[in-house]
Amino acid sequence: IINECVELEDIDLSNNLIEQLGNGNFNSNKKIKYLNISENRLKTFSLDIINECVELEDIDLSNNLIEQLGNGNFNSNKKIYSLDISGNRLKNFKFDLIKDCANLENLNLSDNLIKEFEYGAFIRNRMLSTLDISGNRLKNFQFDLIKDCNLNLSDNLIEEFEYGTFIQNKIFFHLYLKIYTEKEIGFARLTRIIPLTV
């Protein structure tokens, strides 16, 4: 329908009943900067459909039924600064999908079913300033995955952190926690935090 609209920069398909998108859907729309497919019924999202959209800056896939992200990664979309995949059914998220997104500032993975992340995940996302992974099923979190960002870990299943957890994170501008026991939390070498909400 829109593959002839080669000058399109904003596409908003939110609040529909879309269940699937075919391969190559947006690849003729190479100038897209903003793509909103939130509030639909997508169960999967194939990354092939945006791999030619090199100008993409903002992607909103929130509040669908997405269980997995398939066929590719976001690494051809190097200008992305905001990625929202909240309110879906993801059980895991592989950070290799975004490892070359050097401009990524905001990542929202809240309200999914994520249980854990791989070690070393954020090493290439140095611009990341806001990470929301609240409302998942995390039982622990490795803080050496990130540096100096606003972090929301509330409403997970976290009971405790190991002593020395924050050794790589000298500054957190905001840290939101809600833990499920009164076990000790170790804040080793954390020199500045503005503010801490527990």
C-alpha atoms as a PDB file:
ATOM      1  CA  ILE A   1       0.000   0.000   0.000  1.00  0.00           C
ATOM      2  CA  ILE A   2       2.767   2.433   0.894  1.00  0.00           C
ATOM      3  CA  ASN A   3       5.701   1.067  -1.078  1.00  0.00           C
ATOM      4  CA  GLU A   4       5.257   3.816  -3.679  1.00  0.00           C
ATOM      5  CA  CYS A   5       5.505   6.525  -1.004  1.00  0.00           C
ATOM      6  CA  VAL A   6       9.255   6.824  -1.114  1.00  0.00           C
ATOM      7  CA  GLU A   7       9.344  10.203   0.650  1.00  0.00           C
ATOM      8  CA  LEU A   8       7.482   9.031   3.769  1.00  0.00           C
ATOM      9  CA  GLU A   9       9.222   9.916   7.025  1.00  0.00           C
ATOM     10  CA  ASP A  10       6.556   9.078   9.638  1.00  0.00           C
ATOM     11  CA  ILE A  11       4.413   5.936   9.672  1.00  0.00           C
ATOM     12  CA  ASP A  12       1.826   5.416  12.411  1.00  0.00           C
ATOM     13  CA  LEU A  13      -0.097   2.136  12.333  1.00  0.00           C
ATOM     14  CA  SER A  14      -0.942   2.123  16.027  1.00  0.00           C
ATOM     15  CA  ASN A  15      -4.261   1.043  17.551  1.00  0.00           C
ATOM     16  CA  ASN A  16      -5.315  -1.383  14.868  1.00  0.00           C
ATOM     17  CA  LEU A  17      -5.785  -5.144  14.759  1.00  0.00           C
ATOM     18  CA  ILE A  18      -2.657  -5.966  12.753  1.00  0.00           C
ATOM     19  CA  GLU A  19      -1.550  -9.564  13.306  1.00  0.00           C
ATOM     20  CA  GLN A  20       1.337  -9.830  10.870  1.00  0.00           C
ATOM     21  CA  LEU A  21       3.549  -7.832   8.555  1.00  0.00           C
ATOM     22  CA  GLY A  22       5.088  -9.384   5.456  1.00  0.00           C
ATOM     23  CA  ASN A  23       8.793  -9.388   4.635  1.00  0.00           C
ATOM     24  CA  GLY A  24      10.009  -6.237   2.949  1.00  0.00           C
ATOM     25  CA  ASN A  25       7.042  -4.129   4.041  1.00  0.00           C
ATOM     26  CA  PHE A  26       8.933  -0.892   4.635  1.00  0.00           C
ATOM     27  CA  ASN A  27      12.126  -1.431   2.676  1.00  0.00           C
ATOM     28  CA  SER A  28      11.045   0.819  -0.182  1.00  0.00           C
ATOM     29  CA  ASN A  29      10.385   3.594   2.359  1.00  0.00           C
ATOM     30  CA  LYS A  30      14.041   4.321   2.933  1.00  0.00           C
ATOM     31  CA  LYS A  31      13.454   7.768   4.448  1.00  0.00           C
ATOM     32  CA  ILE A  32      11.321   6.617   7.391  1.00  0.00           C
ATOM     33  CA  LYS A  33      12.432   8.207  10.651  1.00  0.00           C
ATOM     34  CA  TYR A  34       9.506   7.302  12.904  1.00  0.00           C
ATOM     35  CA  LEU A  35       7.678   3.964  12.902  1.00  0.00           C
ATOM     36  CA  ASN A  36       4.824   3.274  15.316  1.00  0.00           C
ATOM     37  CA  ILE A  37       3.141  -0.145  15.253  1.00  0.00           C
ATOM     38  CA  SER A  38       2.054  -0.114  18.901  1.00  0.00           C
ATOM     39  CA  GLU A  39      -1.290  -1.399  20.212  1.00  0.00           C
ATOM     40  CA  ASN A  40      -1.766  -4.147  17.649  1.00  0.00           C
ATOM     41  CA  ARG A  41      -1.793  -7.956  17.742  1.00  0.00           C
ATOM     42  CA  LEU A  42       1.599  -8.822  16.326  1.00  0.00           C
ATOM     43  CA  LYS A  43       3.006 -12.087  17.693  1.00  0.00           C
ATOM     44  CA  THR A  44       6.306 -11.830  15.855  1.00  0.00           C
ATOM     45  CA  PHE A  45       8.242  -8.986  14.301  1.00  0.00           C
ATOM     46  CA  SER A  46      10.606  -9.828  11.477  1.00  0.00           C
ATOM     47  CA  LEU A  47      13.491  -7.376  11.405  1.00  0.00           C
ATOM     48  CA  ASP A  48      13.884  -7.994   7.676  1.00  0.00           C
ATOM     49  CA  ILE A  49      11.052  -5.560   7.035  1.00  0.00           C
ATOM     50  CA  ILE A  50      13.119  -2.585   8.202  1.00  0.00           C
ATOM     51  CA  ASN A  51      16.679  -3.532   7.302  1.00  0.00           C
ATOM     52  CA  GLU A  52      16.738  -1.025   4.423  1.00  0.00           C
ATOM     53  CA  CYS A  53      15.329   1.791   6.565  1.00  0.00           C
ATOM     54  CA  VAL A  54      18.673   3.350   7.371  1.00  0.00           C
ATOM     55  CA  GLU A  55      17.173   6.678   8.510  1.00  0.00           C
ATOM     56  CA  LEU A  56      15.024   5.144  11.276  1.00  0.00           C
ATOM     57  CA  GLU A  57      15.385   6.981  14.576  1.00  0.00           C
ATOM     58  CA  ASP A  58      12.369   5.947  16.651  1.00  0.00           C
ATOM     59  CA  ILE A  59      10.606   2.560  16.694  1.00  0.00           C
ATOM     60  CA  ASP A  60       7.560   1.814  18.850  1.00  0.00           C
ATOM     61  CA  LEU A  61       6.435  -1.823  18.984  1.00  0.00           C
ATOM     62  CA  SER A  62       4.825  -1.576  22.408  1.00  0.00           C
ATOM     63  CA  ASN A  63       1.659  -3.345  23.533  1.00  0.00           C
ATOM     64  CA  ASN A  64       1.516  -6.121  21.012  1.00  0.00           C
ATOM     65  CA  LEU A  65       1.762  -9.870  21.615  1.00  0.00           C
ATOM     66  CA  ILE A  66       5.333 -10.214  20.349  1.00  0.00           C
ATOM     67  CA  GLU A  67       7.080 -13.359  21.574  1.00  0.00           C
ATOM     68  CA  GLN A  68      10.189 -13.066  19.446  1.00  0.00           C
ATOM     69  CA  LEU A  69      12.107 -10.778  17.130  1.00  0.00           C
ATOM     70  CA  GLY A  70      13.200 -12.745  14.102  1.00  0.00           C
ATOM     71  CA  ASN A  71      15.240 -12.645  10.910  1.00  0.00           C
ATOM     72  CA  GLY A  72      18.016 -10.151  11.442  1.00  0.00           C
ATOM     73  CA  ASN A  73      18.801  -7.329  13.843  1.00  0.00           C
ATOM     74  CA  PHE A  74      18.622  -3.554  14.227  1.00  0.00           C
ATOM     75  CA  ASN A  75      22.263  -3.040  13.282  1.00  0.00           C
ATOM     76  CA  SER A  76      21.519  -1.626   9.836  1.00  0.00           C
ATOM     77  CA  ASN A  77      19.352   0.992  11.592  1.00  0.00           C
ATOM     78  CA  LYS A  78      22.327   2.803  13.058  1.00  0.00           C
ATOM     79  CA  LYS A  79      20.480   6.079  13.702  1.00  0.00           C
ATOM     80  CA  ILE A  80      17.976   4.629  16.153  1.00  0.00           C
ATOM     81  CA  TYR A  81      17.922   6.575  19.407  1.00  0.00           C
ATOM     82  CA  SER A  82      14.659   5.188  20.860  1.00  0.00           C
ATOM     83  CA  LEU A  83      13.382   1.609  20.833  1.00  0.00           C
ATOM     84  CA  ASP A  84      10.194   0.658  22.698  1.00  0.00           C
ATOM     85  CA  ILE A  85       9.238  -3.025  22.881  1.00  0.00           C
ATOM     86  CA  SER A  86       7.352  -2.789  26.175  1.00  0.00           C
ATOM     87  CA  GLY A  87       4.129  -4.617  26.939  1.00  0.00           C
ATOM     88  CA  ASN A  88       4.838  -7.716  24.886  1.00  0.00           C
ATOM     89  CA  ARG A  89       5.595 -11.382  25.626  1.00  0.00           C
ATOM     90  CA  LEU A  90       9.346 -11.537  25.101  1.00  0.00           C
ATOM     91  CA  LYS A  91      11.023 -14.190  27.235  1.00  0.00           C
ATOM     92  CA  ASN A  92      14.507 -13.090  26.291  1.00  0.00           C
ATOM     93  CA  PHE A  93      16.248 -10.262  24.500  1.00  0.00           C
ATOM     94  CA  LYS A  94      19.590 -10.726  22.782  1.00  0.00           C
ATOM     95  CA  PHE A  95      21.595  -7.525  22.858  1.00  0.00           C
ATOM     96  CA  ASP A  96      23.468  -8.578  19.735  1.00  0.00           C
ATOM     97  CA  LEU A  97      20.364  -7.231  17.985  1.00  0.00           C
ATOM     98  CA  ILE A  98      21.414  -3.689  18.884  1.00  0.00           C
ATOM     99  CA  LYS A  99      25.175  -3.969  19.311  1.00  0.00           C
ATOM    100  CA  ASP A 100      25.919  -1.568  16.432  1.00  0.00           C
ATOM    101  CA  CYS A 101      23.218   0.967  17.338  1.00  0.00           C
ATOM    102  CA  ALA A 102      25.727   3.497  18.591  1.00  0.00           C
ATOM    103  CA  ASN A 103      23.127   6.282  18.956  1.00  0.00           C
ATOM    104  CA  LEU A 104      20.645   4.304  21.051  1.00  0.00           C
ATOM    105  CA  GLU A 105      19.653   6.414  24.066  1.00  0.00           C
ATOM    106  CA  ASN A 106      16.336   4.964  25.233  1.00  0.00           C
ATOM    107  CA  LEU A 107      15.479   1.276  25.447  1.00  0.00           C
ATOM    108  CA  ASN A 108      12.163   0.163  26.939  1.00  0.00           C
ATOM    109  CA  LEU A 109      11.739  -3.557  27.571  1.00  0.00           C
ATOM    110  CA  SER A 110       9.280  -3.217  30.442  1.00  0.00           C
ATOM    111  CA  ASP A 111       6.290  -5.491  31.030  1.00  0.00           C
ATOM    112  CA  ASN A 112       7.569  -8.526  29.186  1.00  0.00           C
ATOM    113  CA  LEU A 113       8.440 -12.019  30.470  1.00  0.00           C
ATOM    114  CA  ILE A 114      12.240 -11.650  30.456  1.00  0.00           C
ATOM    115  CA  LYS A 115      14.094 -13.819  32.980  1.00  0.00           C
ATOM    116  CA  GLU A 116      17.741 -12.998  32.307  1.00  0.00           C
ATOM    117  CA  PHE A 117      20.233 -11.176  30.098  1.00  0.00           C
ATOM    118  CA  GLU A 118      23.537 -12.314  28.694  1.00  0.00           C
ATOM    119  CA  TYR A 119      26.786 -11.064  30.184  1.00  0.00           C
ATOM    120  CA  GLY A 120      28.409  -8.103  28.417  1.00  0.00           C
ATOM    121  CA  ALA A 121      25.241  -7.096  26.630  1.00  0.00           C
ATOM    122  CA  PHE A 122      25.553  -3.293  26.586  1.00  0.00           C
ATOM    123  CA  ILE A 123      29.249  -2.919  25.924  1.00  0.00           C
ATOM    124  CA  ARG A 124      28.747  -1.178  22.550  1.00  0.00           C
ATOM    125  CA  ASN A 125      25.756   0.994  23.485  1.00  0.00           C
ATOM    126  CA  ARG A 126      27.696   3.794  25.116  1.00  0.00           C
ATOM    127  CA  MET A 127      25.020   6.430  24.503  1.00  0.00           C
ATOM    128  CA  LEU A 128      22.357   4.477  26.389  1.00  0.00           C
ATOM    129  CA  SER A 129      20.887   6.867  28.970  1.00  0.00           C
ATOM    130  CA  THR A 130      17.564   5.228  29.888  1.00  0.00           C
ATOM    131  CA  LEU A 131      16.896   1.531  30.339  1.00  0.00           C
ATOM    132  CA  ASP A 132      13.492   0.360  31.565  1.00  0.00           C
ATOM    133  CA  ILE A 133      13.223  -3.347  32.306  1.00  0.00           C
ATOM    134  CA  SER A 134      10.560  -3.080  34.989  1.00  0.00           C
ATOM    135  CA  GLY A 135       7.718  -5.566  35.201  1.00  0.00           C
ATOM    136  CA  ASN A 136       9.663  -8.587  33.993  1.00  0.00           C
ATOM    137  CA  ARG A 137      10.727 -11.837  35.702  1.00  0.00           C
ATOM    138  CA  LEU A 138      14.350 -11.061  36.477  1.00  0.00           C
ATOM    139  CA  LYS A 139      15.693 -12.715  39.623  1.00  0.00           C
ATOM    140  CA  ASN A 140      19.050 -10.976  39.427  1.00  0.00           C
ATOM    141  CA  PHE A 141      20.794  -8.337  37.356  1.00  0.00           C
ATOM    142  CA  GLN A 142      24.438  -7.875  36.420  1.00  0.00           C
ATOM    143  CA  PHE A 143      25.143  -4.182  36.762  1.00  0.00           C
ATOM    144  CA  ASP A 144      28.410  -4.461  34.878  1.00  0.00           C
ATOM    145  CA  LEU A 145      26.283  -4.732  31.732  1.00  0.00           C
ATOM    146  CA  ILE A 146      25.687  -0.978  31.785  1.00  0.00           C
ATOM    147  CA  LYS A 147      27.244   2.322  32.801  1.00  0.00           C
ATOM    148  CA  ASP A 148      25.835   5.655  33.944  1.00  0.00           C
ATOM    149  CA  CYS A 149      22.175   5.554  32.972  1.00  0.00           C
ATOM    150  CA  ASN A 150      18.646   5.863  34.315  1.00  0.00           C
ATOM    151  CA  LEU A 151      17.703   2.308  35.232  1.00  0.00           C
ATOM    152  CA  ASN A 152      14.283   0.940  36.207  1.00  0.00           C
ATOM    153  CA  LEU A 153      14.309  -2.553  37.714  1.00  0.00           C
ATOM    154  CA  SER A 154      11.074  -2.281  39.679  1.00  0.00           C
ATOM    155  CA  ASP A 155       8.441  -5.015  39.759  1.00  0.00           C
ATOM    156  CA  ASN A 156      10.743  -7.897  38.927  1.00  0.00           C
ATOM    157  CA  LEU A 157      11.459 -10.968  41.079  1.00  0.00           C
ATOM    158  CA  ILE A 158      14.782  -9.669  42.400  1.00  0.00           C
ATOM    159  CA  GLU A 159      15.525 -10.715  45.973  1.00  0.00           C
ATOM    160  CA  GLU A 160      19.131  -9.684  46.400  1.00  0.00           C
ATOM    161  CA  PHE A 161      22.275  -8.407  44.721  1.00  0.00           C
ATOM    162  CA  GLU A 162      25.732  -9.768  45.250  1.00  0.00           C
ATOM    163  CA  TYR A 163      28.205  -7.629  47.176  1.00  0.00           C
ATOM    164  CA  GLY A 164      30.203  -5.449  44.807  1.00  0.00           C
ATOM    165  CA  THR A 165      27.416  -5.324  42.265  1.00  0.00           C
ATOM    166  CA  PHE A 166      27.902  -1.662  41.336  1.00  0.00           C
ATOM    167  CA  ILE A 167      31.674  -1.685  40.877  1.00  0.00           C
ATOM    168  CA  GLN A 168      31.487  -0.516  37.240  1.00  0.00           C
ATOM    169  CA  ASN A 169      28.724   2.010  37.855  1.00  0.00           C
ATOM    170  CA  LYS A 170      30.196   5.022  39.599  1.00  0.00           C
ATOM    171  CA  ILE A 171      27.159   7.194  38.770  1.00  0.00           C
ATOM    172  CA  PHE A 172      23.510   6.268  38.432  1.00  0.00           C
ATOM    173  CA  PHE A 173      21.294   9.275  37.781  1.00  0.00           C
ATOM    174  CA  HIS A 174      18.142   7.329  38.661  1.00  0.00           C
ATOM    175  CA  LEU A 175      17.811   3.798  39.956  1.00  0.00           C
ATOM    176  CA  TYR A 176      14.397   2.344  40.688  1.00  0.00           C
ATOM    177  CA  LEU A 177      14.196  -0.912  42.609  1.00  0.00           C
ATOM    178  CA  LYS A 178      11.469  -2.943  44.203  1.00  0.00           C
ATOM    179  CA  ILE A 179      12.806  -6.066  45.832  1.00  0.00           C
ATOM    180  CA  TYR A 180      10.835  -8.896  47.322  1.00  0.00           C
ATOM    181  CA  THR A 181      12.808  -9.629  50.481  1.00  0.00           C
ATOM    182  CA  GLU A 182      14.770  -7.602  52.993  1.00  0.00           C
ATOM    183  CA  LYS A 183      18.095  -9.219  52.181  1.00  0.00           C
ATOM    184  CA  GLU A 184      21.182  -7.049  52.057  1.00  0.00           C
ATOM    185  CA  ILE A 185      21.958  -5.064  48.934  1.00  0.00           C
ATOM    186  CA  GLY A 186      25.629  -4.284  48.352  1.00  0.00           C
ATOM    187  CA  PHE A 187      26.486  -0.903  46.830  1.00  0.00           C
ATOM    188  CA  ALA A 188      30.254  -1.268  46.596  1.00  0.00           C
ATOM    189  CA  ARG A 189      32.105   1.744  45.162  1.00  0.00           C
ATOM    190  CA  LEU A 190      28.942   3.533  44.156  1.00  0.00           C
ATOM    191  CA  THR A 191      30.047   7.146  44.556  1.00  0.00           C
ATOM    192  CA  ARG A 192      27.000   9.034  43.339  1.00  0.00           C
ATOM    193  CA  ILE A 193      23.337   8.220  42.840  1.00  0.00           C
ATOM    194  CA  ILE A 194      20.620  10.780  42.076  1.00  0.00           C
ATOM    195  CA  PRO A 195      18.094   9.615  43.315  1.00  0.00           C
ATOM    196  CA  LEU A 196      17.635   6.023  44.533  1.00  0.00           C
ATOM    197  CA  THR A 197      14.097   4.686  44.866  1.00  0.00           C
ATOM    198  CA  VAL A 198      13.779   1.345  46.648  1.00  0.00           C
END
